[in-house]
Amino acid sequence: MGKRWARLCALAGSLIVIIGIVAGSGLAASAVSARTAAASASTSVAPKSTNMLDCNGHSTKYQEVRQDMVGGCTDPRGTWGGRFEDNGTYVGHDEPTVKFISSAPGSGNDMTYVNTLGKDPQAKPTTSPHGKTVSDYAELSPAPWFGLPICDPGSYPQNPCTPDSDSNSGAINDPNAAGSAFMELQFYPPGYQPFVDGPSCDATHWCAALTIDSLESQFNFANINPACEEPVNFAFLQRNGVPAGPPSPQLADVSTLTPNAETLLMNPGDTIKVDMRDTPAGYLGVITDLTTHQQGFMISSAANGFRHILWDPTNLT
């Protein structure tokens, strides 16, 4: 890897700007001011040696805060029989899905869902393959989530996009498609803590986080960046909206993945309302617990420390 390439991967992370993309195909739109965009283009940060520049934990340059981050990485459709590899290691996983597809203009800008959090069975989990199997929620699905693509010109396939517009293509087979990251509002079931090593915030509560995954490659998965292949922004939803630790791929540390006194905790069986919507500062996720009347939120803003990677794919060696 050439020196210039290493520097670009290490130093060119800017304040993240979540800007427009195709709402008509289910892609979100987040408009930002010209001032915010200009600031993001000129502000860079050197990453820590341990970070989340490759949430799969296979970076050739950096150590991952949380190896093989449970539920944190997306599973792109790769070119190896549809399977995605990170530095030669298959990192895909099953993701059953229910899709809500709308052709209404701007429909990705504001969404609301109401659902009930799962409860674990009273009996202890069983390991026997015979008879009736008892499983905790976290054993079956470590991170159910609501999500949608959002614009990131520094992500696959490394193309610009038009802010807050239905004109951008998001087709996987379109070499001119808008650069796209993937936002997930993830839920983590109880019982398998601490979160930095497992899927749970604590022994008895659900928690949630807003994540944004980018993919450092060109169209058809060419020139994948081996040092920071799948960088991720991560922040728990907090009652005060302040991240528990640095959300960005470059600066994330153990505090990022450690719930604190402001982290929204929800009981199994609670009914919750999930709101996801566009704001001038960035995409906003809000959870209102209709059972306990608590609320947590997180916005993917520069002020909150969300960042991305500015990448030059022509200097690979």
C-alpha atoms as a PDB file:
ATOM      1  CA  MET A   1       0.000   0.000   0.000  1.00  0.00           C
ATOM      2  CA  GLY A   2       1.541   3.289  -1.086  1.00  0.00           C
ATOM      3  CA  LYS A   3       2.351   6.051   1.391  1.00  0.00           C
ATOM      4  CA  ARG A   4      -0.128   8.484  -0.142  1.00  0.00           C
ATOM      5  CA  TRP A   5      -2.900   5.882   0.006  1.00  0.00           C
ATOM      6  CA  ALA A   6      -2.133   5.121   3.651  1.00  0.00           C
ATOM      7  CA  ARG A   7      -2.323   8.801   4.491  1.00  0.00           C
ATOM      8  CA  LEU A   8      -5.637   9.246   2.723  1.00  0.00           C
ATOM      9  CA  CYS A   9      -7.133   6.357   4.617  1.00  0.00           C
ATOM     10  CA  ALA A  10      -5.731   7.620   7.896  1.00  0.00           C
ATOM     11  CA  LEU A  11      -6.181  11.366   7.756  1.00  0.00           C
ATOM     12  CA  ALA A  12      -8.986  12.272   5.400  1.00  0.00           C
ATOM     13  CA  GLY A  13     -11.964  11.569   7.621  1.00  0.00           C
ATOM     14  CA  SER A  14     -14.252  14.594   7.551  1.00  0.00           C
ATOM     15  CA  LEU A  15     -17.270  15.630   9.524  1.00  0.00           C
ATOM     16  CA  ILE A  16     -19.997  13.444   8.120  1.00  0.00           C
ATOM     17  CA  VAL A  17     -22.611  15.046   5.916  1.00  0.00           C
ATOM     18  CA  ILE A  18     -25.680  12.926   5.311  1.00  0.00           C
ATOM     19  CA  ILE A  19     -27.094  14.426   2.139  1.00  0.00           C
ATOM     20  CA  GLY A  20     -29.721  13.683  -0.454  1.00  0.00           C
ATOM     21  CA  ILE A  21     -30.534  10.423  -2.188  1.00  0.00           C
ATOM     22  CA  VAL A  22     -33.382   8.599  -3.880  1.00  0.00           C
ATOM     23  CA  ALA A  23     -36.496   8.716  -1.725  1.00  0.00           C
ATOM     24  CA  GLY A  24     -38.608   7.263  -4.513  1.00  0.00           C
ATOM     25  CA  SER A  25     -36.743   3.939  -4.302  1.00  0.00           C
ATOM     26  CA  GLY A  26     -36.736   3.857  -0.503  1.00  0.00           C
ATOM     27  CA  LEU A  27     -33.519   5.886  -0.132  1.00  0.00           C
ATOM     28  CA  ALA A  28     -33.476   8.633   2.470  1.00  0.00           C
ATOM     29  CA  ALA A  29     -32.771  12.316   1.920  1.00  0.00           C
ATOM     30  CA  SER A  30     -30.969  14.580   4.388  1.00  0.00           C
ATOM     31  CA  ALA A  31     -30.337  18.166   3.353  1.00  0.00           C
ATOM     32  CA  VAL A  32     -27.445  20.155   4.853  1.00  0.00           C
ATOM     33  CA  SER A  33     -26.490  23.785   4.633  1.00  0.00           C
ATOM     34  CA  ALA A  34     -23.647  24.992   2.435  1.00  0.00           C
ATOM     35  CA  ARG A  35     -21.770  26.073   5.545  1.00  0.00           C
ATOM     36  CA  THR A  36     -21.916  22.585   7.050  1.00  0.00           C
ATOM     37  CA  ALA A  37     -20.818  21.012   3.763  1.00  0.00           C
ATOM     38  CA  ALA A  38     -17.886  23.412   3.463  1.00  0.00           C
ATOM     39  CA  ALA A  39     -16.811  22.733   7.029  1.00  0.00           C
ATOM     40  CA  SER A  40     -16.941  18.998   6.470  1.00  0.00           C
ATOM     41  CA  ALA A  41     -14.759  19.220   3.392  1.00  0.00           C
ATOM     42  CA  SER A  42     -11.992  21.073   5.242  1.00  0.00           C
ATOM     43  CA  THR A  43     -11.933  19.280   8.577  1.00  0.00           C
ATOM     44  CA  SER A  44      -9.907  16.089   8.944  1.00  0.00           C
ATOM     45  CA  VAL A  45      -8.858  13.899  11.836  1.00  0.00           C
ATOM     46  CA  ALA A  46      -6.135  11.302  12.336  1.00  0.00           C
ATOM     47  CA  PRO A  47      -7.593   7.972  13.506  1.00  0.00           C
ATOM     48  CA  LYS A  48      -6.660   6.111  16.634  1.00  0.00           C
ATOM     49  CA  SER A  49      -4.751   2.867  16.136  1.00  0.00           C
ATOM     50  CA  THR A  50      -7.817   1.042  17.500  1.00  0.00           C
ATOM     51  CA  ASN A  51     -11.050   2.250  15.935  1.00  0.00           C
ATOM     52  CA  MET A  52     -14.015   1.197  13.784  1.00  0.00           C
ATOM     53  CA  LEU A  53     -12.540   1.830  10.325  1.00  0.00           C
ATOM     54  CA  ASP A  54     -13.332  -1.773   9.479  1.00  0.00           C
ATOM     55  CA  CYS A  55     -16.140  -3.041  11.675  1.00  0.00           C
ATOM     56  CA  ASN A  56     -15.526  -6.611  10.472  1.00  0.00           C
ATOM     57  CA  GLY A  57     -12.181  -6.599  12.282  1.00  0.00           C
ATOM     58  CA  HIS A  58     -10.062  -7.607   9.272  1.00  0.00           C
ATOM     59  CA  SER A  59      -8.271  -4.332   8.512  1.00  0.00           C
ATOM     60  CA  THR A  60      -4.691  -4.646   7.308  1.00  0.00           C
ATOM     61  CA  LYS A  61      -3.745  -1.469   9.189  1.00  0.00           C
ATOM     62  CA  TYR A  62      -5.936  -0.956  12.275  1.00  0.00           C
ATOM     63  CA  GLN A  63      -7.220  -2.850  15.272  1.00  0.00           C
ATOM     64  CA  GLU A  64     -10.980  -2.994  15.808  1.00  0.00           C
ATOM     65  CA  VAL A  65     -12.552  -1.785  19.074  1.00  0.00           C
ATOM     66  CA  ARG A  66     -14.954  -4.688  18.833  1.00  0.00           C
ATOM     67  CA  GLN A  67     -13.884  -7.661  16.752  1.00  0.00           C
ATOM     68  CA  ASP A  68     -16.538  -8.884  14.292  1.00  0.00           C
ATOM     69  CA  MET A  69     -19.037  -6.352  15.582  1.00  0.00           C
ATOM     70  CA  VAL A  70     -22.330  -8.133  16.243  1.00  0.00           C
ATOM     71  CA  GLY A  71     -25.059  -6.493  14.202  1.00  0.00           C
ATOM     72  CA  GLY A  72     -22.803  -3.550  13.438  1.00  0.00           C
ATOM     73  CA  CYS A  73     -21.734  -4.409   9.902  1.00  0.00           C
ATOM     74  CA  THR A  74     -23.949  -4.621   6.870  1.00  0.00           C
ATOM     75  CA  ASP A  75     -23.734  -7.551   4.459  1.00  0.00           C
ATOM     76  CA  PRO A  76     -23.212  -6.108   0.954  1.00  0.00           C
ATOM     77  CA  ARG A  77     -23.957  -8.279  -2.021  1.00  0.00           C
ATOM     78  CA  GLY A  78     -20.504  -9.321  -3.184  1.00  0.00           C
ATOM     79  CA  THR A  79     -19.053 -10.700  -6.397  1.00  0.00           C
ATOM     80  CA  TRP A  80     -18.124 -14.101  -4.968  1.00  0.00           C
ATOM     81  CA  GLY A  81     -21.340 -15.975  -5.655  1.00  0.00           C
ATOM     82  CA  GLY A  82     -23.250 -13.196  -3.936  1.00  0.00           C
ATOM     83  CA  ARG A  83     -21.133 -13.483  -0.773  1.00  0.00           C
ATOM     84  CA  PHE A  84     -19.126 -10.590   0.637  1.00  0.00           C
ATOM     85  CA  GLU A  85     -15.523 -10.992   1.765  1.00  0.00           C
ATOM     86  CA  ASP A  86     -13.345  -8.688   3.849  1.00  0.00           C
ATOM     87  CA  ASN A  87      -9.639  -9.233   3.135  1.00  0.00           C
ATOM     88  CA  GLY A  88     -10.339 -12.776   2.008  1.00  0.00           C
ATOM     89  CA  THR A  89     -12.660 -13.682   4.880  1.00  0.00           C
ATOM     90  CA  TYR A  90     -16.379 -14.251   4.314  1.00  0.00           C
ATOM     91  CA  VAL A  91     -18.261 -11.867   6.606  1.00  0.00           C
ATOM     92  CA  GLY A  92     -21.836 -12.277   5.357  1.00  0.00           C
ATOM     93  CA  HIS A  93     -24.750 -13.410   7.490  1.00  0.00           C
ATOM     94  CA  ASP A  94     -28.433 -14.215   7.232  1.00  0.00           C
ATOM     95  CA  GLU A  95     -30.662 -11.135   7.313  1.00  0.00           C
ATOM     96  CA  PRO A  96     -34.351 -11.949   6.995  1.00  0.00           C
ATOM     97  CA  THR A  97     -36.198  -8.830   5.938  1.00  0.00           C
ATOM     98  CA  VAL A  98     -39.578  -7.170   5.677  1.00  0.00           C
ATOM     99  CA  LYS A  99     -39.530  -4.315   3.165  1.00  0.00           C
ATOM    100  CA  PHE A 100     -41.772  -1.276   2.867  1.00  0.00           C
ATOM    101  CA  ILE A 101     -41.199   0.163  -0.603  1.00  0.00           C
ATOM    102  CA  SER A 102     -42.783   3.466  -1.587  1.00  0.00           C
ATOM    103  CA  SER A 103     -42.685   5.451  -4.820  1.00  0.00           C
ATOM    104  CA  ALA A 104     -44.110   8.583  -3.181  1.00  0.00           C
ATOM    105  CA  PRO A 105     -41.663  11.496  -3.565  1.00  0.00           C
ATOM    106  CA  GLY A 106     -39.743  12.173  -0.361  1.00  0.00           C
ATOM    107  CA  SER A 107     -41.149   9.136   1.408  1.00  0.00           C
ATOM    108  CA  GLY A 108     -37.757   8.250   2.865  1.00  0.00           C
ATOM    109  CA  ASN A 109     -37.643  11.552   4.741  1.00  0.00           C
ATOM    110  CA  ASP A 110     -40.042  10.700   7.581  1.00  0.00           C
ATOM    111  CA  MET A 111     -41.078   7.261   8.834  1.00  0.00           C
ATOM    112  CA  THR A 112     -42.829   5.985  11.973  1.00  0.00           C
ATOM    113  CA  TYR A 113     -43.201   2.413  13.229  1.00  0.00           C
ATOM    114  CA  VAL A 114     -44.855   1.010  16.369  1.00  0.00           C
ATOM    115  CA  ASN A 115     -43.802  -2.393  17.669  1.00  0.00           C
ATOM    116  CA  THR A 116     -43.435  -4.474  20.826  1.00  0.00           C
ATOM    117  CA  LEU A 117     -40.071  -5.609  22.149  1.00  0.00           C
ATOM    118  CA  GLY A 118     -39.650  -9.347  22.507  1.00  0.00           C
ATOM    119  CA  LYS A 119     -39.575 -11.258  25.795  1.00  0.00           C
ATOM    120  CA  ASP A 120     -37.271 -14.173  26.542  1.00  0.00           C
ATOM    121  CA  PRO A 121     -38.877 -17.443  27.680  1.00  0.00           C
ATOM    122  CA  GLN A 122     -38.906 -18.092  31.424  1.00  0.00           C
ATOM    123  CA  ALA A 123     -37.098 -21.410  30.978  1.00  0.00           C
ATOM    124  CA  LYS A 124     -33.337 -21.388  30.589  1.00  0.00           C
ATOM    125  CA  PRO A 125     -31.914 -21.816  27.073  1.00  0.00           C
ATOM    126  CA  THR A 126     -31.286 -25.396  26.009  1.00  0.00           C
ATOM    127  CA  THR A 127     -28.397 -26.749  23.957  1.00  0.00           C
ATOM    128  CA  SER A 128     -29.788 -30.168  23.121  1.00  0.00           C
ATOM    129  CA  PRO A 129     -30.662 -30.661  19.434  1.00  0.00           C
ATOM    130  CA  HIS A 130     -33.417 -33.063  20.445  1.00  0.00           C
ATOM    131  CA  GLY A 131     -36.892 -32.159  21.642  1.00  0.00           C
ATOM    132  CA  LYS A 132     -38.187 -28.643  22.216  1.00  0.00           C
ATOM    133  CA  THR A 133     -35.454 -26.024  22.012  1.00  0.00           C
ATOM    134  CA  VAL A 134     -35.545 -22.974  24.298  1.00  0.00           C
ATOM    135  CA  SER A 135     -33.679 -19.902  23.028  1.00  0.00           C
ATOM    136  CA  ASP A 136     -33.230 -16.348  24.243  1.00  0.00           C
ATOM    137  CA  TYR A 137     -33.900 -13.593  21.716  1.00  0.00           C
ATOM    138  CA  ALA A 138     -30.201 -12.698  21.508  1.00  0.00           C
ATOM    139  CA  GLU A 139     -29.383 -16.252  20.421  1.00  0.00           C
ATOM    140  CA  LEU A 140     -31.735 -15.988  17.458  1.00  0.00           C
ATOM    141  CA  SER A 141     -31.233 -12.389  16.363  1.00  0.00           C
ATOM    142  CA  PRO A 142     -28.599 -10.159  17.962  1.00  0.00           C
ATOM    143  CA  ALA A 143     -29.801  -6.920  16.355  1.00  0.00           C
ATOM    144  CA  PRO A 144     -33.197  -6.490  14.695  1.00  0.00           C
ATOM    145  CA  TRP A 145     -33.242  -3.108  12.997  1.00  0.00           C
ATOM    146  CA  PHE A 146     -35.030  -0.502  10.914  1.00  0.00           C
ATOM    147  CA  GLY A 147     -32.900   0.920   8.144  1.00  0.00           C
ATOM    148  CA  LEU A 148     -32.470   2.465   4.710  1.00  0.00           C
ATOM    149  CA  PRO A 149     -29.709   3.654   2.381  1.00  0.00           C
ATOM    150  CA  ILE A 150     -28.538   7.229   2.728  1.00  0.00           C
ATOM    151  CA  CYS A 151     -26.192   9.255   0.574  1.00  0.00           C
ATOM    152  CA  ASP A 152     -22.436   9.090   1.119  1.00  0.00           C
ATOM    153  CA  PRO A 153     -20.378  10.221  -1.915  1.00  0.00           C
ATOM    154  CA  GLY A 154     -17.329   8.567  -0.283  1.00  0.00           C
ATOM    155  CA  SER A 155     -18.998   5.153  -0.236  1.00  0.00           C
ATOM    156  CA  TYR A 156     -19.789   2.526  -2.888  1.00  0.00           C
ATOM    157  CA  PRO A 157     -19.721   3.123  -5.812  1.00  0.00           C
ATOM    158  CA  GLN A 158     -17.853   6.389  -5.078  1.00  0.00           C
ATOM    159  CA  ASN A 159     -20.144   8.736  -7.036  1.00  0.00           C
ATOM    160  CA  PRO A 160     -21.716  12.094  -6.147  1.00  0.00           C
ATOM    161  CA  CYS A 161     -25.413  12.505  -5.482  1.00  0.00           C
ATOM    162  CA  THR A 162     -27.946  15.306  -5.623  1.00  0.00           C
ATOM    163  CA  PRO A 163     -29.007  16.488  -2.140  1.00  0.00           C
ATOM    164  CA  ASP A 164     -32.599  15.803  -1.072  1.00  0.00           C
ATOM    165  CA  SER A 165     -33.632  14.512  -4.475  1.00  0.00           C
ATOM    166  CA  ASP A 166     -35.521  11.624  -6.069  1.00  0.00           C
ATOM    167  CA  SER A 167     -33.275  11.845  -9.134  1.00  0.00           C
ATOM    168  CA  ASN A 168     -30.424   9.662  -7.877  1.00  0.00           C
ATOM    169  CA  SER A 169     -30.103   6.058  -8.975  1.00  0.00           C
ATOM    170  CA  GLY A 170     -29.548   3.476  -6.265  1.00  0.00           C
ATOM    171  CA  ALA A 171     -29.440   0.405  -8.494  1.00  0.00           C
ATOM    172  CA  ILE A 172     -26.740  -2.120  -7.592  1.00  0.00           C
ATOM    173  CA  ASN A 173     -26.028  -2.712 -11.311  1.00  0.00           C
ATOM    174  CA  ASP A 174     -25.687   0.979 -12.195  1.00  0.00           C
ATOM    175  CA  PRO A 175     -22.046   2.185 -12.356  1.00  0.00           C
ATOM    176  CA  ASN A 176     -23.334   5.771 -12.154  1.00  0.00           C
ATOM    177  CA  ALA A 177     -25.478   5.198  -9.071  1.00  0.00           C
ATOM    178  CA  ALA A 178     -25.212   7.656  -6.196  1.00  0.00           C
ATOM    179  CA  GLY A 179     -22.657   6.872  -3.507  1.00  0.00           C
ATOM    180  CA  SER A 180     -24.572   5.203  -0.697  1.00  0.00           C
ATOM    181  CA  ALA A 181     -24.079   4.237   2.939  1.00  0.00           C
ATOM    182  CA  PHE A 182     -26.593   2.269   4.991  1.00  0.00           C
ATOM    183  CA  MET A 183     -28.275   3.563   8.135  1.00  0.00           C
ATOM    184  CA  GLU A 184     -29.643   1.124  10.703  1.00  0.00           C
ATOM    185  CA  LEU A 185     -31.507   1.861  13.907  1.00  0.00           C
ATOM    186  CA  GLN A 186     -30.578  -1.348  15.722  1.00  0.00           C
ATOM    187  CA  PHE A 187     -32.132  -2.950  18.806  1.00  0.00           C
ATOM    188  CA  TYR A 188     -30.105  -5.110  21.201  1.00  0.00           C
ATOM    189  CA  PRO A 189     -31.832  -7.716  23.396  1.00  0.00           C
ATOM    190  CA  PRO A 190     -30.850  -8.334  27.025  1.00  0.00           C
ATOM    191  CA  GLY A 191     -28.849 -11.029  28.739  1.00  0.00           C
ATOM    192  CA  TYR A 192     -25.441 -11.201  27.034  1.00  0.00           C
ATOM    193  CA  GLN A 193     -23.442  -8.215  28.259  1.00  0.00           C
ATOM    194  CA  PRO A 194     -21.102  -6.282  28.237  1.00  0.00           C
ATOM    195  CA  PHE A 195     -21.887  -4.780  24.856  1.00  0.00           C
ATOM    196  CA  VAL A 196     -18.252  -4.317  23.878  1.00  0.00           C
ATOM    197  CA  ASP A 197     -17.974  -8.137  23.867  1.00  0.00           C
ATOM    198  CA  GLY A 198     -21.564  -9.225  23.200  1.00  0.00           C
ATOM    199  CA  PRO A 199     -24.974  -8.180  21.889  1.00  0.00           C
ATOM    200  CA  SER A 200     -26.518  -6.783  25.115  1.00  0.00           C
ATOM    201  CA  CYS A 201     -26.364  -3.544  27.089  1.00  0.00           C
ATOM    202  CA  ASP A 202     -27.286  -5.283  30.332  1.00  0.00           C
ATOM    203  CA  ALA A 203     -28.916  -8.382  31.767  1.00  0.00           C
ATOM    204  CA  THR A 204     -32.543  -7.248  31.723  1.00  0.00           C
ATOM    205  CA  HIS A 205     -33.066  -4.395  29.237  1.00  0.00           C
ATOM    206  CA  TRP A 206     -33.165  -3.709  25.531  1.00  0.00           C
ATOM    207  CA  CYS A 207     -31.158  -0.771  24.160  1.00  0.00           C
ATOM    208  CA  ALA A 208     -30.701   0.716  20.678  1.00  0.00           C
ATOM    209  CA  ALA A 209     -28.146   2.497  18.507  1.00  0.00           C
ATOM    210  CA  LEU A 210     -27.983   4.446  15.265  1.00  0.00           C
ATOM    211  CA  THR A 211     -25.302   3.077  12.922  1.00  0.00           C
ATOM    212  CA  ILE A 212     -24.118   4.160   9.479  1.00  0.00           C
ATOM    213  CA  ASP A 213     -22.007   1.761   7.394  1.00  0.00           C
ATOM    214  CA  SER A 214     -20.007   2.845   4.362  1.00  0.00           C
ATOM    215  CA  LEU A 215     -18.179   0.638   1.874  1.00  0.00           C
ATOM    216  CA  GLU A 216     -14.768   1.725   0.595  1.00  0.00           C
ATOM    217  CA  SER A 217     -14.832   0.412  -2.964  1.00  0.00           C
ATOM    218  CA  GLN A 218     -15.755   1.326  -6.500  1.00  0.00           C
ATOM    219  CA  PHE A 219     -18.468  -0.144  -8.708  1.00  0.00           C
ATOM    220  CA  ASN A 220     -18.624  -3.945  -8.847  1.00  0.00           C
ATOM    221  CA  PHE A 221     -16.505  -4.034  -5.662  1.00  0.00           C
ATOM    222  CA  ALA A 222     -13.322  -2.956  -7.449  1.00  0.00           C
ATOM    223  CA  ASN A 223     -10.346  -1.485  -5.562  1.00  0.00           C
ATOM    224  CA  ILE A 224     -11.680  -2.333  -2.110  1.00  0.00           C
ATOM    225  CA  ASN A 225      -9.721  -0.506   0.564  1.00  0.00           C
ATOM    226  CA  PRO A 226      -7.998  -3.212   2.645  1.00  0.00           C
ATOM    227  CA  ALA A 227      -7.235  -0.861   5.557  1.00  0.00           C
ATOM    228  CA  CYS A 228     -10.744   0.486   6.095  1.00  0.00           C
ATOM    229  CA  GLU A 229     -13.067  -1.676   4.046  1.00  0.00           C
ATOM    230  CA  GLU A 230     -16.315  -1.141   5.946  1.00  0.00           C
ATOM    231  CA  PRO A 231     -16.114   1.867   8.298  1.00  0.00           C
ATOM    232  CA  VAL A 232     -19.044   2.390  10.659  1.00  0.00           C
ATOM    233  CA  ASN A 233     -20.442   5.261  12.717  1.00  0.00           C
ATOM    234  CA  PHE A 234     -22.082   4.070  15.938  1.00  0.00           C
ATOM    235  CA  ALA A 235     -23.986   5.829  18.735  1.00  0.00           C
ATOM    236  CA  PHE A 236     -26.477   4.550  21.323  1.00  0.00           C
ATOM    237  CA  LEU A 237     -29.793   6.365  21.451  1.00  0.00           C
ATOM    238  CA  GLN A 238     -29.528   8.563  24.528  1.00  0.00           C
ATOM    239  CA  ARG A 239     -32.126  10.316  26.640  1.00  0.00           C
ATOM    240  CA  ASN A 240     -30.122  13.551  26.267  1.00  0.00           C
ATOM    241  CA  GLY A 241     -29.065  12.891  22.651  1.00  0.00           C
ATOM    242  CA  VAL A 242     -25.347  13.051  23.525  1.00  0.00           C
ATOM    243  CA  PRO A 243     -23.280  10.074  22.273  1.00  0.00           C
ATOM    244  CA  ALA A 244     -21.786   7.859  24.990  1.00  0.00           C
ATOM    245  CA  GLY A 245     -18.435   8.062  23.183  1.00  0.00           C
ATOM    246  CA  PRO A 246     -17.016   9.200  19.825  1.00  0.00           C
ATOM    247  CA  PRO A 247     -19.313   7.800  17.085  1.00  0.00           C
ATOM    248  CA  SER A 248     -16.877   8.127  14.182  1.00  0.00           C
ATOM    249  CA  PRO A 249     -14.935   5.289  12.556  1.00  0.00           C
ATOM    250  CA  GLN A 250     -11.653   7.111  13.218  1.00  0.00           C
ATOM    251  CA  LEU A 251     -12.115   7.989  16.903  1.00  0.00           C
ATOM    252  CA  ALA A 252     -14.423   5.304  18.327  1.00  0.00           C
ATOM    253  CA  ASP A 253     -13.207   3.663  21.510  1.00  0.00           C
ATOM    254  CA  VAL A 254     -14.542   1.515  24.348  1.00  0.00           C
ATOM    255  CA  SER A 255     -16.687   4.407  25.628  1.00  0.00           C
ATOM    256  CA  THR A 256     -18.519   4.452  22.285  1.00  0.00           C
ATOM    257  CA  LEU A 257     -19.686   0.882  22.950  1.00  0.00           C
ATOM    258  CA  THR A 258     -20.345   1.288  26.688  1.00  0.00           C
ATOM    259  CA  PRO A 259     -23.842   2.376  27.776  1.00  0.00           C
ATOM    260  CA  ASN A 260     -23.933   5.167  30.365  1.00  0.00           C
ATOM    261  CA  ALA A 261     -26.563   6.708  32.649  1.00  0.00           C
ATOM    262  CA  GLU A 262     -28.234   8.463  29.688  1.00  0.00           C
ATOM    263  CA  THR A 263     -28.556   5.410  27.434  1.00  0.00           C
ATOM    264  CA  LEU A 264     -32.199   4.594  26.752  1.00  0.00           C
ATOM    265  CA  LEU A 265     -33.030   1.229  28.360  1.00  0.00           C
ATOM    266  CA  MET A 266     -36.303  -0.527  27.548  1.00  0.00           C
ATOM    267  CA  ASN A 267     -38.038  -3.466  29.190  1.00  0.00           C
ATOM    268  CA  PRO A 268     -38.913  -6.684  27.363  1.00  0.00           C
ATOM    269  CA  GLY A 269     -42.547  -6.438  26.267  1.00  0.00           C
ATOM    270  CA  ASP A 270     -42.596  -2.630  26.124  1.00  0.00           C
ATOM    271  CA  THR A 271     -44.483  -1.022  23.246  1.00  0.00           C
ATOM    272  CA  ILE A 272     -42.319   1.508  21.467  1.00  0.00           C
ATOM    273  CA  LYS A 273     -42.675   4.059  18.689  1.00  0.00           C
ATOM    274  CA  VAL A 274     -39.771   4.527  16.291  1.00  0.00           C
ATOM    275  CA  ASP A 275     -39.451   7.779  14.342  1.00  0.00           C
ATOM    276  CA  MET A 276     -36.773   8.249  11.668  1.00  0.00           C
ATOM    277  CA  ARG A 277     -36.660  11.520   9.776  1.00  0.00           C
ATOM    278  CA  ASP A 278     -34.591  14.005   7.867  1.00  0.00           C
ATOM    279  CA  THR A 279     -33.270  17.152   9.559  1.00  0.00           C
ATOM    280  CA  PRO A 280     -30.952  19.934   8.348  1.00  0.00           C
ATOM    281  CA  ALA A 281     -28.186  18.608  10.618  1.00  0.00           C
ATOM    282  CA  GLY A 282     -28.428  14.897   9.718  1.00  0.00           C
ATOM    283  CA  TYR A 283     -30.656  11.869   9.942  1.00  0.00           C
ATOM    284  CA  LEU A 284     -32.529  11.572  13.249  1.00  0.00           C
ATOM    285  CA  GLY A 285     -33.639   8.442  15.083  1.00  0.00           C
ATOM    286  CA  VAL A 286     -36.097   8.718  17.985  1.00  0.00           C
ATOM    287  CA  ILE A 287     -37.516   5.954  20.185  1.00  0.00           C
ATOM    288  CA  THR A 288     -40.459   6.705  22.456  1.00  0.00           C
ATOM    289  CA  ASP A 289     -41.230   3.973  24.967  1.00  0.00           C
ATOM    290  CA  LEU A 290     -45.028   4.122  25.149  1.00  0.00           C
ATOM    291  CA  THR A 291     -45.005   1.857  28.224  1.00  0.00           C
ATOM    292  CA  THR A 292     -42.556   3.776  30.429  1.00  0.00           C
ATOM    293  CA  HIS A 293     -42.914   7.175  28.648  1.00  0.00           C
ATOM    294  CA  GLN A 294     -39.139   7.529  28.289  1.00  0.00           C
ATOM    295  CA  GLN A 295     -37.528   8.744  25.105  1.00  0.00           C
ATOM    296  CA  GLY A 296     -34.097   8.448  23.519  1.00  0.00           C
ATOM    297  CA  PHE A 297     -32.725   9.960  20.328  1.00  0.00           C
ATOM    298  CA  MET A 298     -29.614  10.382  18.221  1.00  0.00           C
ATOM    299  CA  ILE A 299     -28.843  12.574  15.229  1.00  0.00           C
ATOM    300  CA  SER A 300     -26.075  11.798  12.739  1.00  0.00           C
ATOM    301  CA  SER A 301     -24.655  15.307  12.891  1.00  0.00           C
ATOM    302  CA  ALA A 302     -21.176  16.769  12.662  1.00  0.00           C
ATOM    303  CA  ALA A 303     -21.765  18.333  16.083  1.00  0.00           C
ATOM    304  CA  ASN A 304     -22.286  14.842  17.527  1.00  0.00           C
ATOM    305  CA  GLY A 305     -19.013  13.610  16.014  1.00  0.00           C
ATOM    306  CA  PHE A 306     -20.292  11.553  13.078  1.00  0.00           C
ATOM    307  CA  ARG A 307     -17.636  11.382  10.336  1.00  0.00           C
ATOM    308  CA  HIS A 308     -16.793   9.572   7.104  1.00  0.00           C
ATOM    309  CA  ILE A 309     -13.792   8.704   4.950  1.00  0.00           C
ATOM    310  CA  LEU A 310     -12.650  10.784   1.977  1.00  0.00           C
ATOM    311  CA  TRP A 311     -11.081   8.213  -0.282  1.00  0.00           C
ATOM    312  CA  ASP A 312      -8.884   8.365  -3.394  1.00  0.00           C
ATOM    313  CA  PRO A 313      -9.114   4.972  -5.143  1.00  0.00           C
ATOM    314  CA  THR A 314      -6.435   5.795  -7.741  1.00  0.00           C
ATOM    315  CA  ASN A 315      -3.480   5.425  -5.359  1.00  0.00           C
ATOM    316  CA  LEU A 316      -3.760   1.766  -4.456  1.00  0.00           C
ATOM    317  CA  THR A 317      -0.500  -0.211  -4.828  1.00  0.00           C
END
